Amino acid sequence: MIKLKTTFSKNAKQVLDVARKVNTNLNNSPLFQVKTAEFSQDLQRLGEGIDRLQRACDDAQSRDSQKMAYRDKVRDEVVAILKRLVMHVELAANGDVAMLQNSGFEISQEKSSKPRFTHPLPAPVLTVKHGTLSGVLVASAKPVPGAASYEFHITDTDPTVAANYSPFGTFARGTNINIPGRTPGQTYSVIARCIGTAGPGVWSPPFSIISL
């Protein structure tokens, strides 16, 4: 399973490099345009912390012990903000690998156990329902033993033509996947498959629904 690293260097300049990358990616990536109020506030605090830490690093070049101590204090404050942002990102991503990879944080790939499934996994049982908001669909693939992630594709044209589908996302869990931005009155078809140690499994039959 892919997770974000929550440990950061003791070197203030290396923390600055990570903080700047995260700040740039989260502010500019189209995958993170929708944020909670707390997410946005912590991202603003990160920008302010980057400025403070840069000034503290510049001042500490004099090797003055008090200025070096202040630099380290600010470094710890920026790290605390980064750790909060890790939680925001993981909640927003909900297992979406692309979002995690585009967050600017370093990826921590957990070591996987020896493969227990050497054959492609069967198609998951897929359902799609309407979300609470207009134009939102909610897809759920029933858990399949051996599945490490679930891949979803969607189309608003002929669901019997494989080339018509576009990838929507790959998620660690396949339940309660929000699919926003759909046009009310338009029919959409969703398919899903499991990804296991033997690679991608079998696609589910399309589930078609009219967006409200």
C-alpha atoms as a PDB file:
ATOM      1  CA  MET A   1       0.000   0.000   0.000  1.00  0.00           C
ATOM      2  CA  ILE A   2       1.251   3.479  -0.863  1.00  0.00           C
ATOM      3  CA  LYS A   3       1.436   5.970   2.004  1.00  0.00           C
ATOM      4  CA  LEU A   4       3.069   9.345   2.517  1.00  0.00           C
ATOM      5  CA  LYS A   5       6.218   9.692   4.604  1.00  0.00           C
ATOM      6  CA  THR A   6       5.658  11.427   7.927  1.00  0.00           C
ATOM      7  CA  THR A   7       9.303  11.680   8.979  1.00  0.00           C
ATOM      8  CA  PHE A   8      11.341  14.679   7.928  1.00  0.00           C
ATOM      9  CA  SER A   9      15.007  15.626   7.988  1.00  0.00           C
ATOM     10  CA  LYS A  10      16.596  17.457  10.923  1.00  0.00           C
ATOM     11  CA  ASN A  11      18.323  19.647   8.349  1.00  0.00           C
ATOM     12  CA  ALA A  12      16.355  22.889   8.030  1.00  0.00           C
ATOM     13  CA  LYS A  13      17.328  23.438   4.386  1.00  0.00           C
ATOM     14  CA  GLN A  14      16.146  19.964   3.417  1.00  0.00           C
ATOM     15  CA  VAL A  15      12.845  20.636   5.177  1.00  0.00           C
ATOM     16  CA  LEU A  16      12.608  23.879   3.186  1.00  0.00           C
ATOM     17  CA  ASP A  17      13.026  21.961  -0.062  1.00  0.00           C
ATOM     18  CA  VAL A  18      10.246  19.528   0.839  1.00  0.00           C
ATOM     19  CA  ALA A  19       7.961  22.304   2.099  1.00  0.00           C
ATOM     20  CA  ARG A  20       8.388  24.336  -1.095  1.00  0.00           C
ATOM     21  CA  LYS A  21       7.624  21.307  -3.283  1.00  0.00           C
ATOM     22  CA  VAL A  22       4.513  20.458  -1.254  1.00  0.00           C
ATOM     23  CA  ASN A  23       3.377  24.094  -1.275  1.00  0.00           C
ATOM     24  CA  THR A  24       3.774  24.348  -5.058  1.00  0.00           C
ATOM     25  CA  ASN A  25       2.099  21.013  -5.823  1.00  0.00           C
ATOM     26  CA  LEU A  26      -0.896  21.440  -3.527  1.00  0.00           C
ATOM     27  CA  ASN A  27      -1.549  24.981  -4.735  1.00  0.00           C
ATOM     28  CA  ASN A  28      -1.140  24.269  -8.452  1.00  0.00           C
ATOM     29  CA  SER A  29      -2.230  20.661  -9.022  1.00  0.00           C
ATOM     30  CA  PRO A  30      -5.727  20.353 -10.538  1.00  0.00           C
ATOM     31  CA  LEU A  31      -6.190  17.283  -8.323  1.00  0.00           C
ATOM     32  CA  PHE A  32      -6.247  19.468  -5.183  1.00  0.00           C
ATOM     33  CA  GLN A  33      -8.450  22.371  -6.245  1.00  0.00           C
ATOM     34  CA  VAL A  34     -11.200  21.346  -3.793  1.00  0.00           C
ATOM     35  CA  LYS A  35      -9.992  21.607  -0.186  1.00  0.00           C
ATOM     36  CA  THR A  36     -11.624  21.736   3.234  1.00  0.00           C
ATOM     37  CA  ALA A  37     -11.322  24.971   5.213  1.00  0.00           C
ATOM     38  CA  GLU A  38      -8.784  23.342   7.556  1.00  0.00           C
ATOM     39  CA  PHE A  39      -6.759  22.067   4.588  1.00  0.00           C
ATOM     40  CA  SER A  40      -6.626  25.562   3.064  1.00  0.00           C
ATOM     41  CA  GLN A  41      -5.688  27.165   6.402  1.00  0.00           C
ATOM     42  CA  ASP A  42      -2.799  24.763   6.984  1.00  0.00           C
ATOM     43  CA  LEU A  43      -1.601  25.291   3.418  1.00  0.00           C
ATOM     44  CA  GLN A  44      -1.574  29.050   4.041  1.00  0.00           C
ATOM     45  CA  ARG A  45       0.346  28.453   7.284  1.00  0.00           C
ATOM     46  CA  LEU A  46       2.877  26.412   5.319  1.00  0.00           C
ATOM     47  CA  GLY A  47       3.546  29.322   2.963  1.00  0.00           C
ATOM     48  CA  GLU A  48       4.085  31.636   5.934  1.00  0.00           C
ATOM     49  CA  GLY A  49       6.283  29.030   7.637  1.00  0.00           C
ATOM     50  CA  ILE A  50       8.452  28.692   4.528  1.00  0.00           C
ATOM     51  CA  ASP A  51       9.154  32.440   4.587  1.00  0.00           C
ATOM     52  CA  ARG A  52      10.005  32.376   8.310  1.00  0.00           C
ATOM     53  CA  LEU A  53      12.258  29.366   7.934  1.00  0.00           C
ATOM     54  CA  GLN A  54      14.125  30.887   4.989  1.00  0.00           C
ATOM     55  CA  ARG A  55      14.827  34.055   6.999  1.00  0.00           C
ATOM     56  CA  ALA A  56      15.859  31.983  10.022  1.00  0.00           C
ATOM     57  CA  CYS A  57      18.246  29.921   7.885  1.00  0.00           C
ATOM     58  CA  ASP A  58      19.777  33.086   6.432  1.00  0.00           C
ATOM     59  CA  ASP A  59      20.236  34.599   9.905  1.00  0.00           C
ATOM     60  CA  ALA A  60      21.724  31.380  11.296  1.00  0.00           C
ATOM     61  CA  GLN A  61      24.593  31.519   8.800  1.00  0.00           C
ATOM     62  CA  SER A  62      26.293  33.847  11.269  1.00  0.00           C
ATOM     63  CA  ARG A  63      26.635  30.753  13.515  1.00  0.00           C
ATOM     64  CA  ASP A  64      25.106  32.702  16.399  1.00  0.00           C
ATOM     65  CA  SER A  65      23.812  30.076  18.859  1.00  0.00           C
ATOM     66  CA  GLN A  66      20.530  31.903  19.553  1.00  0.00           C
ATOM     67  CA  LYS A  67      19.796  32.329  15.847  1.00  0.00           C
ATOM     68  CA  MET A  68      20.607  28.679  15.196  1.00  0.00           C
ATOM     69  CA  ALA A  69      18.279  27.644  18.016  1.00  0.00           C
ATOM     70  CA  TYR A  70      15.531  29.839  16.554  1.00  0.00           C
ATOM     71  CA  ARG A  71      16.089  28.286  13.114  1.00  0.00           C
ATOM     72  CA  ASP A  72      15.629  24.814  14.600  1.00  0.00           C
ATOM     73  CA  LYS A  73      12.469  25.961  16.403  1.00  0.00           C
ATOM     74  CA  VAL A  74      10.963  27.270  13.171  1.00  0.00           C
ATOM     75  CA  ARG A  75      12.010  24.071  11.423  1.00  0.00           C
ATOM     76  CA  ASP A  76       9.986  22.076  13.980  1.00  0.00           C
ATOM     77  CA  GLU A  77       6.979  24.356  13.423  1.00  0.00           C
ATOM     78  CA  VAL A  78       7.114  23.781   9.652  1.00  0.00           C
ATOM     79  CA  VAL A  79       7.416  20.019  10.177  1.00  0.00           C
ATOM     80  CA  ALA A  80       4.303  20.094  12.372  1.00  0.00           C
ATOM     81  CA  ILE A  81       2.406  21.848   9.567  1.00  0.00           C
ATOM     82  CA  LEU A  82       3.674  19.302   7.028  1.00  0.00           C
ATOM     83  CA  LYS A  83       2.449  16.440   9.212  1.00  0.00           C
ATOM     84  CA  ARG A  84      -1.025  18.008   9.378  1.00  0.00           C
ATOM     85  CA  LEU A  85      -1.009  18.406   5.603  1.00  0.00           C
ATOM     86  CA  VAL A  86      -0.128  14.712   5.205  1.00  0.00           C
ATOM     87  CA  MET A  87      -3.398  13.875   6.999  1.00  0.00           C
ATOM     88  CA  HIS A  88      -5.364  16.330   4.824  1.00  0.00           C
ATOM     89  CA  VAL A  89      -3.870  14.880   1.643  1.00  0.00           C
ATOM     90  CA  GLU A  90      -4.532  11.263   2.616  1.00  0.00           C
ATOM     91  CA  LEU A  91      -8.135  12.079   3.520  1.00  0.00           C
ATOM     92  CA  ALA A  92      -8.677  13.974   0.263  1.00  0.00           C
ATOM     93  CA  ALA A  93      -7.007  11.257  -1.814  1.00  0.00           C
ATOM     94  CA  ASN A  94      -8.973   8.400  -0.223  1.00  0.00           C
ATOM     95  CA  GLY A  95      -6.440   5.975  -1.659  1.00  0.00           C
ATOM     96  CA  ASP A  96      -6.151   7.657  -5.075  1.00  0.00           C
ATOM     97  CA  VAL A  97      -2.558   6.850  -6.059  1.00  0.00           C
ATOM     98  CA  ALA A  98      -2.321   9.740  -8.541  1.00  0.00           C
ATOM     99  CA  MET A  99      -3.283  12.299  -5.887  1.00  0.00           C
ATOM    100  CA  LEU A 100      -0.763  10.933  -3.402  1.00  0.00           C
ATOM    101  CA  GLN A 101       1.992  10.952  -6.011  1.00  0.00           C
ATOM    102  CA  ASN A 102       1.179  14.544  -7.040  1.00  0.00           C
ATOM    103  CA  SER A 103       1.068  15.948  -3.494  1.00  0.00           C
ATOM    104  CA  GLY A 104       4.775  16.801  -3.324  1.00  0.00           C
ATOM    105  CA  PHE A 105       5.320  14.529  -0.328  1.00  0.00           C
ATOM    106  CA  GLU A 106       7.687  11.585  -0.498  1.00  0.00           C
ATOM    107  CA  ILE A 107       6.070   8.189  -0.944  1.00  0.00           C
ATOM    108  CA  SER A 108       6.587   5.387   1.570  1.00  0.00           C
ATOM    109  CA  GLN A 109       6.015   2.049  -0.150  1.00  0.00           C
ATOM    110  CA  GLU A 110       5.274  -0.638   2.395  1.00  0.00           C
ATOM    111  CA  LYS A 111       6.948  -3.965   1.750  1.00  0.00           C
ATOM    112  CA  SER A 112       4.439  -6.437   0.441  1.00  0.00           C
ATOM    113  CA  SER A 113       4.238 -10.021   1.570  1.00  0.00           C
ATOM    114  CA  LYS A 114       4.842 -12.908  -0.783  1.00  0.00           C
ATOM    115  CA  PRO A 115       2.175 -13.190  -3.472  1.00  0.00           C
ATOM    116  CA  ARG A 116      -0.655 -15.507  -2.535  1.00  0.00           C
ATOM    117  CA  PHE A 117      -2.646 -14.960  -5.723  1.00  0.00           C
ATOM    118  CA  THR A 118      -0.913 -15.948  -8.947  1.00  0.00           C
ATOM    119  CA  HIS A 119      -3.977 -15.654 -11.188  1.00  0.00           C
ATOM    120  CA  PRO A 120      -5.914 -12.542 -12.272  1.00  0.00           C
ATOM    121  CA  LEU A 121      -8.645 -11.637  -9.815  1.00  0.00           C
ATOM    122  CA  PRO A 122     -12.328 -11.952 -10.766  1.00  0.00           C
ATOM    123  CA  ALA A 123     -14.498  -8.960 -11.593  1.00  0.00           C
ATOM    124  CA  PRO A 124     -15.831  -7.184  -8.500  1.00  0.00           C
ATOM    125  CA  VAL A 125     -19.561  -6.728  -7.948  1.00  0.00           C
ATOM    126  CA  LEU A 126     -20.122  -3.067  -8.839  1.00  0.00           C
ATOM    127  CA  THR A 127     -22.936  -0.719  -7.854  1.00  0.00           C
ATOM    128  CA  VAL A 128     -23.371   2.985  -8.631  1.00  0.00           C
ATOM    129  CA  LYS A 129     -25.854   5.304  -6.924  1.00  0.00           C
ATOM    130  CA  HIS A 130     -26.602   9.015  -6.813  1.00  0.00           C
ATOM    131  CA  GLY A 131     -24.700  11.209  -4.389  1.00  0.00           C
ATOM    132  CA  THR A 132     -26.286  13.776  -2.081  1.00  0.00           C
ATOM    133  CA  LEU A 133     -25.325  16.590  -4.455  1.00  0.00           C
ATOM    134  CA  SER A 134     -26.465  17.064  -8.029  1.00  0.00           C
ATOM    135  CA  GLY A 135     -24.031  15.687 -10.597  1.00  0.00           C
ATOM    136  CA  VAL A 136     -22.318  13.360  -8.137  1.00  0.00           C
ATOM    137  CA  LEU A 137     -22.271   9.584  -8.525  1.00  0.00           C
ATOM    138  CA  VAL A 138     -21.034   7.162  -5.861  1.00  0.00           C
ATOM    139  CA  ALA A 139     -19.484   3.881  -7.025  1.00  0.00           C
ATOM    140  CA  SER A 140     -18.758   0.864  -4.841  1.00  0.00           C
ATOM    141  CA  ALA A 141     -16.930  -2.326  -5.783  1.00  0.00           C
ATOM    142  CA  LYS A 142     -17.532  -5.173  -3.337  1.00  0.00           C
ATOM    143  CA  PRO A 143     -14.191  -6.173  -1.714  1.00  0.00           C
ATOM    144  CA  VAL A 144     -12.397  -9.058  -3.414  1.00  0.00           C
ATOM    145  CA  PRO A 145      -9.835 -11.175  -1.484  1.00  0.00           C
ATOM    146  CA  GLY A 146      -6.330 -10.477  -2.747  1.00  0.00           C
ATOM    147  CA  ALA A 147      -7.146  -7.061  -4.230  1.00  0.00           C
ATOM    148  CA  ALA A 148      -4.534  -4.397  -3.437  1.00  0.00           C
ATOM    149  CA  SER A 149      -6.477  -1.648  -5.214  1.00  0.00           C
ATOM    150  CA  TYR A 150      -9.500  -1.008  -7.411  1.00  0.00           C
ATOM    151  CA  GLU A 151      -9.473   0.747 -10.779  1.00  0.00           C
ATOM    152  CA  PHE A 152     -12.527   2.603 -12.095  1.00  0.00           C
ATOM    153  CA  HIS A 153     -13.301   3.744 -15.658  1.00  0.00           C
ATOM    154  CA  ILE A 154     -16.306   5.758 -16.860  1.00  0.00           C
ATOM    155  CA  THR A 155     -18.014   6.728 -20.122  1.00  0.00           C
ATOM    156  CA  ASP A 156     -21.000   8.808 -21.219  1.00  0.00           C
ATOM    157  CA  THR A 157     -21.222   7.064 -24.602  1.00  0.00           C
ATOM    158  CA  ASP A 158     -21.762   3.467 -25.764  1.00  0.00           C
ATOM    159  CA  PRO A 159     -20.802   1.257 -22.767  1.00  0.00           C
ATOM    160  CA  THR A 160     -20.275  -1.802 -24.988  1.00  0.00           C
ATOM    161  CA  VAL A 161     -17.222  -0.235 -26.672  1.00  0.00           C
ATOM    162  CA  ALA A 162     -14.102  -0.611 -24.515  1.00  0.00           C
ATOM    163  CA  ALA A 163     -12.335   2.327 -26.199  1.00  0.00           C
ATOM    164  CA  ASN A 164     -15.056   4.720 -25.026  1.00  0.00           C
ATOM    165  CA  TYR A 165     -14.049   4.442 -21.369  1.00  0.00           C
ATOM    166  CA  SER A 166     -11.747   6.913 -19.620  1.00  0.00           C
ATOM    167  CA  PRO A 167      -9.850   6.196 -16.379  1.00  0.00           C
ATOM    168  CA  PHE A 168     -11.395   7.818 -13.319  1.00  0.00           C
ATOM    169  CA  GLY A 169      -8.967   6.654 -10.648  1.00  0.00           C
ATOM    170  CA  THR A 170      -7.306   3.813  -8.760  1.00  0.00           C
ATOM    171  CA  PHE A 171      -8.124   3.471  -5.072  1.00  0.00           C
ATOM    172  CA  ALA A 172      -6.884   1.339  -2.180  1.00  0.00           C
ATOM    173  CA  ARG A 173     -10.510   0.713  -1.223  1.00  0.00           C
ATOM    174  CA  GLY A 174     -13.235   0.388  -3.807  1.00  0.00           C
ATOM    175  CA  THR A 175     -16.206   1.513  -1.733  1.00  0.00           C
ATOM    176  CA  ASN A 176     -17.955   4.905  -1.666  1.00  0.00           C
ATOM    177  CA  ILE A 177     -15.946   6.423  -4.511  1.00  0.00           C
ATOM    178  CA  ASN A 178     -17.326   9.886  -5.322  1.00  0.00           C
ATOM    179  CA  ILE A 179     -17.499  10.712  -9.036  1.00  0.00           C
ATOM    180  CA  PRO A 180     -18.347  14.443  -9.216  1.00  0.00           C
ATOM    181  CA  GLY A 181     -18.878  16.809 -12.140  1.00  0.00           C
ATOM    182  CA  ARG A 182     -21.441  14.717 -14.046  1.00  0.00           C
ATOM    183  CA  THR A 183     -24.085  16.408 -16.206  1.00  0.00           C
ATOM    184  CA  PRO A 184     -27.672  16.006 -14.902  1.00  0.00           C
ATOM    185  CA  GLY A 185     -29.793  13.974 -17.318  1.00  0.00           C
ATOM    186  CA  GLN A 186     -26.761  12.319 -18.915  1.00  0.00           C
ATOM    187  CA  THR A 187     -26.364   8.544 -18.746  1.00  0.00           C
ATOM    188  CA  TYR A 188     -23.011   7.313 -17.439  1.00  0.00           C
ATOM    189  CA  SER A 189     -21.603   3.800 -17.366  1.00  0.00           C
ATOM    190  CA  VAL A 190     -18.944   2.719 -14.862  1.00  0.00           C
ATOM    191  CA  ILE A 191     -16.744  -0.383 -14.851  1.00  0.00           C
ATOM    192  CA  ALA A 192     -14.220  -1.556 -12.255  1.00  0.00           C
ATOM    193  CA  ARG A 193     -11.525  -4.164 -11.829  1.00  0.00           C
ATOM    194  CA  CYS A 194      -9.209  -5.332  -9.064  1.00  0.00           C
ATOM    195  CA  ILE A 195      -5.431  -4.978  -9.090  1.00  0.00           C
ATOM    196  CA  GLY A 196      -3.634  -7.828  -7.349  1.00  0.00           C
ATOM    197  CA  THR A 197      -0.190  -9.395  -7.177  1.00  0.00           C
ATOM    198  CA  ALA A 198      -0.805 -11.015 -10.574  1.00  0.00           C
ATOM    199  CA  GLY A 199      -1.714  -7.650 -12.115  1.00  0.00           C
ATOM    200  CA  PRO A 200      -5.097  -6.280 -13.274  1.00  0.00           C
ATOM    201  CA  GLY A 201      -8.101  -8.555 -12.974  1.00  0.00           C
ATOM    202  CA  VAL A 202     -11.270  -8.923 -15.017  1.00  0.00           C
ATOM    203  CA  TRP A 203     -13.440  -5.874 -15.734  1.00  0.00           C
ATOM    204  CA  SER A 204     -16.905  -5.845 -14.191  1.00  0.00           C
ATOM    205  CA  PRO A 205     -19.987  -5.516 -16.403  1.00  0.00           C
ATOM    206  CA  PRO A 206     -20.898  -1.846 -16.918  1.00  0.00           C
ATOM    207  CA  PHE A 207     -23.259  -0.270 -14.413  1.00  0.00           C
ATOM    208  CA  SER A 208     -25.287   2.492 -16.117  1.00  0.00           C
ATOM    209  CA  ILE A 209     -27.109   5.297 -14.325  1.00  0.00           C
ATOM    210  CA  ILE A 210     -28.636   8.672 -15.226  1.00  0.00           C
ATOM    211  CA  SER A 211     -27.036  11.563 -13.347  1.00  0.00           C
ATOM    212  CA  LEU A 212     -29.405  13.764 -11.368  1.00  0.00           C
END
